[in-house]
């Protein structure tokens, strides 16, 4: 079995050599690389289709290997797993917090109510601010929906 670190080192070595070539030479290498990758992608797509039909557990097992997964991900043949909904909602709230803190306020997650609702609570000056409805719709709700497209409703609770 080939050592992954050795393969990465070899790729890096070739990239360093090619980086010193003129633009025309690099363009030829990029074109060749793209053609080879397209061939590999199509071969992998056909292999996956065949293995799925014959033995799905074997394919699922193979994808657990980090090298197999990485190559399939590179070729767009597997999806990168999404973080859990709670983690994505919290990340969205972190995006809007600096603006809220500039006005001595904050927002906290109250609840995630499946299948498509999030409840939040404004705290500090945001809890009594006349613009909190606008902050909810233009800030918090947009941030949550951008990271969590399955969320349809964001409600501010007291």
N, C-alpha and C. Protein backbone atom coordinates (compact mmCIF):
# COMPACT_ATOMS: atom_id res chain seq x y z
N UNK A 1 0.85 -1.18 0.00
CA UNK A 1 0.00 0.00 0.00
C UNK A 1 0.90 1.25 0.00
N UNK A 2 0.54 2.20 -0.83
CA UNK A 2 1.31 3.43 -0.96
C UNK A 2 0.99 4.35 0.21
N UNK A 3 2.02 5.00 0.71
CA UNK A 3 1.88 5.93 1.82
C UNK A 3 1.30 7.25 1.29
N UNK A 4 0.24 7.71 1.90
CA UNK A 4 -0.42 8.94 1.48
C UNK A 4 0.52 10.14 1.56
N UNK A 5 1.31 10.22 2.60
CA UNK A 5 2.25 11.33 2.75
C UNK A 5 3.25 11.37 1.59
N UNK A 6 3.69 10.17 1.16
CA UNK A 6 4.62 10.12 0.02
C UNK A 6 3.97 10.63 -1.26
N UNK A 7 2.71 10.28 -1.46
CA UNK A 7 1.99 10.74 -2.65
C UNK A 7 1.84 12.26 -2.64
N UNK A 8 1.47 12.80 -1.49
CA UNK A 8 1.30 14.25 -1.37
C UNK A 8 2.64 14.96 -1.59
N UNK A 9 3.70 14.42 -1.05
CA UNK A 9 5.03 15.00 -1.23
C UNK A 9 5.41 15.01 -2.71
N UNK A 10 5.12 13.92 -3.41
CA UNK A 10 5.44 13.83 -4.83
C UNK A 10 4.63 14.86 -5.64
N UNK A 11 3.35 14.99 -5.34
CA UNK A 11 2.53 15.98 -6.02
C UNK A 11 3.07 17.38 -5.78
N UNK A 12 3.42 17.68 -4.55
CA UNK A 12 3.97 19.00 -4.21
C UNK A 12 5.28 19.27 -4.95
N UNK A 13 6.09 18.23 -5.10
CA UNK A 13 7.37 18.37 -5.81
C UNK A 13 7.12 18.75 -7.26
N UNK A 14 6.18 18.05 -7.92
CA UNK A 14 5.86 18.38 -9.31
C UNK A 14 5.26 19.77 -9.44
N UNK A 15 4.39 20.15 -8.52
CA UNK A 15 3.81 21.49 -8.57
C UNK A 15 4.88 22.57 -8.43
N UNK A 16 5.88 22.32 -7.59
CA UNK A 16 6.97 23.29 -7.42
C UNK A 16 7.77 23.44 -8.72
N UNK A 17 8.01 22.35 -9.40
CA UNK A 17 8.75 22.39 -10.67
C UNK A 17 7.94 23.15 -11.71
N UNK A 18 6.66 22.81 -11.83
CA UNK A 18 5.79 23.42 -12.84
C UNK A 18 5.60 24.92 -12.57
N UNK A 19 5.59 25.31 -11.31
CA UNK A 19 5.38 26.73 -10.98
C UNK A 19 6.49 27.62 -11.54
N UNK A 20 7.61 27.04 -11.88
CA UNK A 20 8.74 27.81 -12.41
C UNK A 20 8.71 27.90 -13.94
N UNK A 21 7.81 27.18 -14.57
CA UNK A 21 7.69 27.20 -16.02
C UNK A 21 6.94 28.44 -16.48
N UNK A 22 7.07 28.76 -17.79
CA UNK A 22 6.33 29.91 -18.30
C UNK A 22 4.85 29.56 -18.44
N UNK A 23 4.06 30.59 -18.66
CA UNK A 23 2.60 30.44 -18.64
C UNK A 23 2.10 29.45 -19.70
N UNK A 24 2.69 29.44 -20.87
CA UNK A 24 2.26 28.51 -21.93
C UNK A 24 2.51 27.07 -21.51
N UNK A 25 3.66 26.80 -20.96
CA UNK A 25 3.97 25.44 -20.51
C UNK A 25 3.03 25.01 -19.38
N UNK A 26 2.79 25.92 -18.43
CA UNK A 26 1.87 25.60 -17.33
C UNK A 26 0.46 25.33 -17.87
N UNK A 27 0.05 26.08 -18.89
CA UNK A 27 -1.27 25.89 -19.49
C UNK A 27 -1.42 24.50 -20.10
N UNK A 28 -0.36 24.00 -20.71
CA UNK A 28 -0.40 22.65 -21.28
C UNK A 28 -0.58 21.62 -20.16
N UNK A 29 0.17 21.80 -19.08
CA UNK A 29 0.08 20.86 -17.96
C UNK A 29 -1.31 20.92 -17.33
N UNK A 30 -1.86 22.11 -17.18
CA UNK A 30 -3.19 22.26 -16.60
C UNK A 30 -4.23 21.57 -17.49
N UNK A 31 -4.10 21.73 -18.80
CA UNK A 31 -5.02 21.07 -19.73
C UNK A 31 -4.92 19.56 -19.63
N UNK A 32 -3.70 19.05 -19.57
CA UNK A 32 -3.49 17.60 -19.43
C UNK A 32 -4.08 17.10 -18.11
N UNK A 33 -3.82 17.84 -17.04
CA UNK A 33 -4.35 17.47 -15.72
C UNK A 33 -5.88 17.42 -15.75
N UNK A 34 -6.49 18.43 -16.36
CA UNK A 34 -7.96 18.49 -16.44
C UNK A 34 -8.50 17.30 -17.23
N UNK A 35 -7.86 16.95 -18.33
CA UNK A 35 -8.32 15.82 -19.15
C UNK A 35 -8.21 14.50 -18.38
N UNK A 36 -7.11 14.33 -17.66
CA UNK A 36 -6.94 13.11 -16.86
C UNK A 36 -7.97 13.06 -15.74
N UNK A 37 -8.20 14.19 -15.08
CA UNK A 37 -9.19 14.24 -14.01
C UNK A 37 -10.59 13.95 -14.53
N UNK A 38 -10.92 14.46 -15.71
CA UNK A 38 -12.23 14.19 -16.29
C UNK A 38 -12.39 12.70 -16.59
N UNK A 39 -11.34 12.08 -17.10
CA UNK A 39 -11.36 10.64 -17.36
C UNK A 39 -11.55 9.86 -16.06
N UNK A 40 -10.80 10.22 -15.04
CA UNK A 40 -10.92 9.55 -13.74
C UNK A 40 -12.31 9.75 -13.13
N UNK A 41 -12.83 10.95 -13.25
CA UNK A 41 -14.16 11.23 -12.70
C UNK A 41 -15.20 10.34 -13.37
N UNK A 42 -15.16 10.22 -14.68
CA UNK A 42 -16.13 9.39 -15.38
C UNK A 42 -15.96 7.92 -15.02
N UNK A 43 -14.71 7.46 -14.91
CA UNK A 43 -14.46 6.07 -14.52
C UNK A 43 -14.99 5.81 -13.10
N UNK A 44 -14.73 6.73 -12.20
CA UNK A 44 -15.22 6.57 -10.83
C UNK A 44 -16.74 6.61 -10.77
N UNK A 45 -17.35 7.47 -11.57
CA UNK A 45 -18.81 7.56 -11.60
C UNK A 45 -19.41 6.21 -12.04
N UNK A 46 -18.82 5.61 -13.08
CA UNK A 46 -19.31 4.32 -13.56
C UNK A 46 -19.06 3.21 -12.55
N UNK A 47 -17.90 3.25 -11.89
CA UNK A 47 -17.58 2.26 -10.87
C UNK A 47 -18.57 2.35 -9.71
N UNK A 48 -18.85 3.55 -9.26
CA UNK A 48 -19.79 3.76 -8.16
C UNK A 48 -21.17 3.23 -8.54
N UNK A 49 -21.61 3.53 -9.75
CA UNK A 49 -22.92 3.07 -10.21
C UNK A 49 -22.99 1.55 -10.18
N UNK A 50 -21.96 0.90 -10.65
CA UNK A 50 -21.93 -0.56 -10.69
C UNK A 50 -21.89 -1.16 -9.28
N UNK A 51 -21.03 -0.62 -8.43
CA UNK A 51 -20.89 -1.14 -7.07
C UNK A 51 -22.17 -0.90 -6.27
N UNK A 52 -22.82 0.24 -6.48
CA UNK A 52 -24.08 0.52 -5.78
C UNK A 52 -25.13 -0.54 -6.10
N UNK A 53 -25.17 -0.94 -7.36
CA UNK A 53 -26.17 -1.93 -7.78
C UNK A 53 -25.86 -3.31 -7.21
N UNK A 54 -24.59 -3.63 -7.08
CA UNK A 54 -24.20 -4.97 -6.64
C UNK A 54 -24.06 -5.10 -5.13
N UNK A 55 -23.46 -4.07 -4.50
CA UNK A 55 -23.15 -4.21 -3.07
C UNK A 55 -22.98 -2.84 -2.42
N UNK A 56 -24.09 -2.23 -2.07
CA UNK A 56 -24.06 -0.89 -1.46
C UNK A 56 -23.23 -0.87 -0.17
N UNK A 57 -23.32 -1.88 0.71
CA UNK A 57 -22.49 -1.84 1.92
C UNK A 57 -20.99 -1.76 1.63
N UNK A 58 -20.54 -2.41 0.58
CA UNK A 58 -19.11 -2.35 0.23
C UNK A 58 -18.72 -0.93 -0.16
N UNK A 59 -19.58 -0.26 -0.91
CA UNK A 59 -19.32 1.12 -1.30
C UNK A 59 -19.31 2.03 -0.07
N UNK A 60 -20.28 1.84 0.82
CA UNK A 60 -20.32 2.65 2.04
C UNK A 60 -19.08 2.43 2.88
N UNK A 61 -18.60 1.21 2.92
CA UNK A 61 -17.38 0.90 3.66
C UNK A 61 -16.17 1.58 3.01
N UNK A 62 -16.09 1.52 1.69
CA UNK A 62 -14.95 2.12 0.98
C UNK A 62 -14.87 3.62 1.21
N UNK A 63 -16.02 4.27 1.27
CA UNK A 63 -16.05 5.73 1.44
C UNK A 63 -15.58 6.15 2.84
N UNK A 64 -15.54 5.20 3.76
CA UNK A 64 -15.03 5.51 5.10
C UNK A 64 -13.52 5.75 5.10
N UNK A 65 -12.84 5.24 4.07
CA UNK A 65 -11.40 5.46 3.93
C UNK A 65 -11.17 6.92 3.55
N UNK A 66 -10.30 7.61 4.27
CA UNK A 66 -10.12 9.05 4.05
C UNK A 66 -9.58 9.37 2.66
N UNK A 67 -8.76 8.50 2.10
CA UNK A 67 -8.22 8.75 0.76
C UNK A 67 -9.32 8.58 -0.29
N UNK A 68 -10.08 7.50 -0.19
CA UNK A 68 -11.19 7.27 -1.12
C UNK A 68 -12.18 8.42 -1.02
N UNK A 69 -12.55 8.78 0.19
CA UNK A 69 -13.50 9.87 0.39
C UNK A 69 -12.96 11.18 -0.19
N UNK A 70 -11.69 11.46 0.07
CA UNK A 70 -11.09 12.71 -0.42
C UNK A 70 -11.08 12.79 -1.94
N UNK A 71 -10.76 11.68 -2.60
CA UNK A 71 -10.73 11.67 -4.07
C UNK A 71 -12.14 11.82 -4.62
N UNK A 72 -13.10 11.10 -4.04
CA UNK A 72 -14.49 11.21 -4.51
C UNK A 72 -15.04 12.61 -4.27
N UNK A 73 -14.69 13.22 -3.14
CA UNK A 73 -15.12 14.59 -2.85
C UNK A 73 -14.50 15.57 -3.85
N UNK A 74 -13.23 15.38 -4.14
CA UNK A 74 -12.52 16.23 -5.11
C UNK A 74 -13.22 16.21 -6.46
N UNK A 75 -13.68 15.04 -6.86
CA UNK A 75 -14.35 14.88 -8.16
C UNK A 75 -15.84 15.18 -8.09
N UNK A 76 -16.34 15.60 -6.93
CA UNK A 76 -17.75 15.95 -6.79
C UNK A 76 -18.68 14.76 -6.81
N UNK A 77 -18.17 13.59 -6.41
CA UNK A 77 -18.97 12.37 -6.47
C UNK A 77 -19.58 11.98 -5.13
N UNK A 78 -19.21 12.67 -4.08
CA UNK A 78 -19.86 12.52 -2.77
C UNK A 78 -20.09 13.92 -2.24
N UNK A 79 -21.05 14.03 -1.37
CA UNK A 79 -21.33 15.32 -0.74
C UNK A 79 -20.55 15.42 0.56
N UNK A 80 -20.11 16.63 0.84
CA UNK A 80 -19.48 16.88 2.12
C UNK A 80 -20.58 16.95 3.16
N UNK A 81 -20.43 16.20 4.25
CA UNK A 81 -21.51 16.20 5.24
C UNK A 81 -21.69 17.59 5.85
N UNK A 82 -22.94 17.96 6.03
CA UNK A 82 -23.25 19.23 6.67
C UNK A 82 -23.12 19.08 8.18
N UNK A 83 -22.66 20.13 8.83
CA UNK A 83 -22.68 20.09 10.29
C UNK A 83 -24.12 19.97 10.77
N UNK A 84 -24.32 19.50 11.99
CA UNK A 84 -25.68 19.40 12.54
C UNK A 84 -26.38 20.76 12.55
N UNK A 85 -27.71 20.72 12.50
CA UNK A 85 -28.51 21.94 12.46
C UNK A 85 -28.18 22.87 13.62
N UNK A 86 -28.07 22.35 14.82
CA UNK A 86 -27.76 23.18 15.98
C UNK A 86 -26.46 23.95 15.76
N UNK A 87 -25.46 23.28 15.26
CA UNK A 87 -24.16 23.92 15.02
C UNK A 87 -24.26 25.01 13.96
N UNK A 88 -25.05 24.78 12.92
CA UNK A 88 -25.21 25.79 11.88
C UNK A 88 -26.00 27.00 12.37
N UNK A 89 -27.03 26.78 13.20
CA UNK A 89 -27.80 27.89 13.76
C UNK A 89 -26.89 28.73 14.65
N UNK A 90 -26.10 28.07 15.49
CA UNK A 90 -25.19 28.80 16.36
C UNK A 90 -24.16 29.59 15.56
N UNK A 91 -23.68 29.02 14.45
CA UNK A 91 -22.74 29.74 13.59
C UNK A 91 -23.39 30.98 12.99
N UNK A 92 -24.65 30.86 12.60
CA UNK A 92 -25.38 32.01 12.05
C UNK A 92 -25.52 33.12 13.10
N UNK A 93 -25.83 32.72 14.32
CA UNK A 93 -25.96 33.73 15.39
C UNK A 93 -24.61 34.40 15.67
N UNK A 94 -23.53 33.64 15.57
CA UNK A 94 -22.20 34.23 15.76
C UNK A 94 -21.89 35.28 14.70
N UNK A 95 -22.44 35.09 13.50
CA UNK A 95 -22.22 36.06 12.42
C UNK A 95 -22.86 37.41 12.72
N UNK A 96 -24.01 37.40 13.38
CA UNK A 96 -24.72 38.67 13.63
C UNK A 96 -24.37 39.29 14.99
N UNK A 97 -23.74 38.52 15.84
CA UNK A 97 -23.45 39.02 17.20
C UNK A 97 -22.61 40.29 17.23
N UNK A 98 -21.56 40.41 16.41
CA UNK A 98 -20.77 41.65 16.50
C UNK A 98 -21.60 42.91 16.29
N UNK A 99 -22.52 42.88 15.33
CA UNK A 99 -23.37 44.05 15.10
C UNK A 99 -24.29 44.33 16.27
N UNK A 100 -24.82 43.27 16.86
CA UNK A 100 -25.70 43.44 18.02
C UNK A 100 -24.91 43.96 19.22
N UNK A 101 -23.71 43.46 19.41
CA UNK A 101 -22.90 43.86 20.56
C UNK A 101 -22.46 45.32 20.43
N UNK A 102 -22.33 45.80 19.20
CA UNK A 102 -22.01 47.22 18.99
C UNK A 102 -23.09 48.11 19.58
N UNK A 103 -24.31 47.59 19.70
CA UNK A 103 -25.43 48.33 20.27
C UNK A 103 -25.80 47.80 21.65
N UNK A 104 -24.84 47.14 22.29
CA UNK A 104 -24.99 46.61 23.65
C UNK A 104 -26.11 45.58 23.76
N UNK A 105 -26.25 44.78 22.73
CA UNK A 105 -27.26 43.73 22.74
C UNK A 105 -26.67 42.40 22.34
N UNK A 106 -27.53 41.41 22.26
CA UNK A 106 -27.11 40.07 21.86
C UNK A 106 -28.36 39.28 21.49
N UNK A 107 -28.13 38.08 21.03
CA UNK A 107 -29.23 37.17 20.69
C UNK A 107 -28.84 35.79 21.18
N UNK A 108 -29.83 35.05 21.66
CA UNK A 108 -29.56 33.69 22.09
C UNK A 108 -30.58 32.74 21.48
N UNK A 109 -30.15 31.53 21.26
CA UNK A 109 -31.03 30.50 20.73
C UNK A 109 -31.90 29.99 21.87
N UNK A 110 -33.22 29.99 21.65
CA UNK A 110 -34.16 29.48 22.64
C UNK A 110 -34.49 28.03 22.31
N UNK A 111 -34.86 27.78 21.05
CA UNK A 111 -35.27 26.43 20.67
C UNK A 111 -35.21 26.24 19.17
N UNK A 112 -34.99 25.01 18.78
CA UNK A 112 -35.17 24.59 17.39
C UNK A 112 -36.38 23.68 17.41
N UNK A 113 -37.39 24.07 16.66
CA UNK A 113 -38.65 23.31 16.65
C UNK A 113 -38.82 22.68 15.27
N UNK A 114 -38.51 21.39 15.18
CA UNK A 114 -38.64 20.70 13.89
C UNK A 114 -40.07 20.81 13.37
N UNK A 115 -40.24 20.88 12.07
CA UNK A 115 -39.20 20.64 11.09
C UNK A 115 -38.51 21.90 10.60
N UNK A 116 -39.07 23.12 10.88
CA UNK A 116 -38.54 24.28 10.17
C UNK A 116 -38.56 25.60 10.93
N UNK A 117 -38.56 25.56 12.26
CA UNK A 117 -38.70 26.80 13.04
C UNK A 117 -37.58 26.93 14.07
N UNK A 118 -37.10 28.16 14.20
CA UNK A 118 -36.11 28.49 15.23
C UNK A 118 -36.66 29.64 16.06
N UNK A 119 -36.51 29.52 17.37
CA UNK A 119 -36.90 30.60 18.28
C UNK A 119 -35.64 31.21 18.87
N UNK A 120 -35.58 32.54 18.87
CA UNK A 120 -34.44 33.26 19.44
C UNK A 120 -34.96 34.29 20.42
N UNK A 121 -34.07 34.77 21.27
CA UNK A 121 -34.42 35.82 22.23
C UNK A 121 -33.35 36.90 22.14
N UNK A 122 -33.81 38.15 21.98
CA UNK A 122 -32.89 39.28 22.03
C UNK A 122 -32.64 39.61 23.48
N UNK A 123 -31.41 39.96 23.80
CA UNK A 123 -31.07 40.34 25.17
C UNK A 123 -30.32 41.67 25.14
N UNK A 124 -30.19 42.27 26.30
CA UNK A 124 -29.56 43.58 26.39
C UNK A 124 -30.46 44.63 25.77
N UNK A 125 -29.86 45.64 25.17
CA UNK A 125 -30.66 46.73 24.58
C UNK A 125 -31.49 46.26 23.41
N UNK A 126 -31.11 45.13 22.80
CA UNK A 126 -31.89 44.62 21.66
C UNK A 126 -33.27 44.13 22.08
N UNK A 127 -33.42 43.76 23.34
CA UNK A 127 -34.71 43.23 23.79
C UNK A 127 -35.80 44.29 23.80
N UNK A 128 -35.41 45.56 23.95
CA UNK A 128 -36.42 46.61 23.99
C UNK A 128 -36.28 47.61 22.84
N UNK A 129 -35.45 47.30 21.91
CA UNK A 129 -35.19 48.22 20.80
C UNK A 129 -36.35 48.24 19.81
N UNK A 130 -36.79 49.43 19.39
CA UNK A 130 -37.88 49.52 18.41
C UNK A 130 -37.50 48.88 17.07
N UNK A 131 -36.22 48.79 16.77
CA UNK A 131 -35.78 48.24 15.50
C UNK A 131 -35.55 46.72 15.57
N UNK A 132 -35.93 46.08 16.68
CA UNK A 132 -35.64 44.65 16.84
C UNK A 132 -36.36 43.80 15.79
N UNK A 133 -37.52 44.23 15.32
CA UNK A 133 -38.22 43.49 14.27
C UNK A 133 -37.40 43.51 12.98
N UNK A 134 -36.85 44.67 12.67
CA UNK A 134 -35.99 44.80 11.50
C UNK A 134 -34.70 43.99 11.68
N UNK A 135 -34.13 44.05 12.87
CA UNK A 135 -32.92 43.27 13.17
C UNK A 135 -33.20 41.79 13.00
N UNK A 136 -34.37 41.36 13.44
CA UNK A 136 -34.73 39.95 13.30
C UNK A 136 -34.80 39.56 11.83
N UNK A 137 -35.57 40.33 11.05
CA UNK A 137 -35.79 39.93 9.66
C UNK A 137 -34.57 40.17 8.78
N UNK A 138 -33.89 41.28 8.97
CA UNK A 138 -32.78 41.63 8.09
C UNK A 138 -31.43 41.08 8.55
N UNK A 139 -31.33 40.69 9.79
CA UNK A 139 -30.05 40.20 10.30
C UNK A 139 -30.10 38.74 10.68
N UNK A 140 -30.77 38.48 11.79
CA UNK A 140 -30.79 37.14 12.37
C UNK A 140 -31.44 36.13 11.42
N UNK A 141 -32.61 36.45 10.93
CA UNK A 141 -33.33 35.51 10.07
C UNK A 141 -32.55 35.23 8.78
N UNK A 142 -32.01 36.25 8.16
CA UNK A 142 -31.23 36.05 6.93
C UNK A 142 -30.01 35.18 7.18
N UNK A 143 -29.31 35.43 8.29
CA UNK A 143 -28.12 34.64 8.60
C UNK A 143 -28.47 33.17 8.84
N UNK A 144 -29.54 32.94 9.57
CA UNK A 144 -29.95 31.56 9.85
C UNK A 144 -30.37 30.86 8.56
N UNK A 145 -31.18 31.51 7.76
CA UNK A 145 -31.66 30.88 6.52
C UNK A 145 -30.54 30.64 5.52
N UNK A 146 -29.51 31.48 5.55
CA UNK A 146 -28.38 31.27 4.64
C UNK A 146 -27.62 29.99 4.99
N UNK A 147 -27.46 29.72 6.27
CA UNK A 147 -26.72 28.53 6.69
C UNK A 147 -27.62 27.32 6.90
N UNK A 148 -28.92 27.56 7.03
CA UNK A 148 -29.88 26.49 7.33
C UNK A 148 -31.09 26.63 6.42
N UNK A 149 -30.95 26.26 5.16
CA UNK A 149 -32.06 26.46 4.22
C UNK A 149 -33.33 25.70 4.58
N UNK A 150 -33.23 24.71 5.46
CA UNK A 150 -34.42 23.97 5.87
C UNK A 150 -35.27 24.75 6.86
N UNK A 151 -34.73 25.85 7.41
CA UNK A 151 -35.48 26.69 8.36
C UNK A 151 -36.31 27.70 7.58
N UNK A 152 -37.61 27.69 7.84
CA UNK A 152 -38.54 28.59 7.15
C UNK A 152 -38.97 29.75 8.03
N UNK A 153 -38.97 29.54 9.35
CA UNK A 153 -39.50 30.55 10.26
C UNK A 153 -38.52 30.80 11.41
N UNK A 154 -38.26 32.09 11.65
CA UNK A 154 -37.45 32.49 12.80
C UNK A 154 -38.32 33.42 13.63
N UNK A 155 -38.52 33.06 14.89
CA UNK A 155 -39.42 33.81 15.78
C UNK A 155 -38.62 34.36 16.95
N UNK A 156 -38.87 35.63 17.28
CA UNK A 156 -38.28 36.22 18.47
C UNK A 156 -39.27 36.06 19.62
N UNK A 157 -38.80 35.45 20.70
CA UNK A 157 -39.66 35.25 21.87
C UNK A 157 -39.13 36.14 23.00
N UNK A 158 -40.01 36.42 23.94
CA UNK A 158 -39.61 37.26 25.09
C UNK A 158 -39.02 36.42 26.18
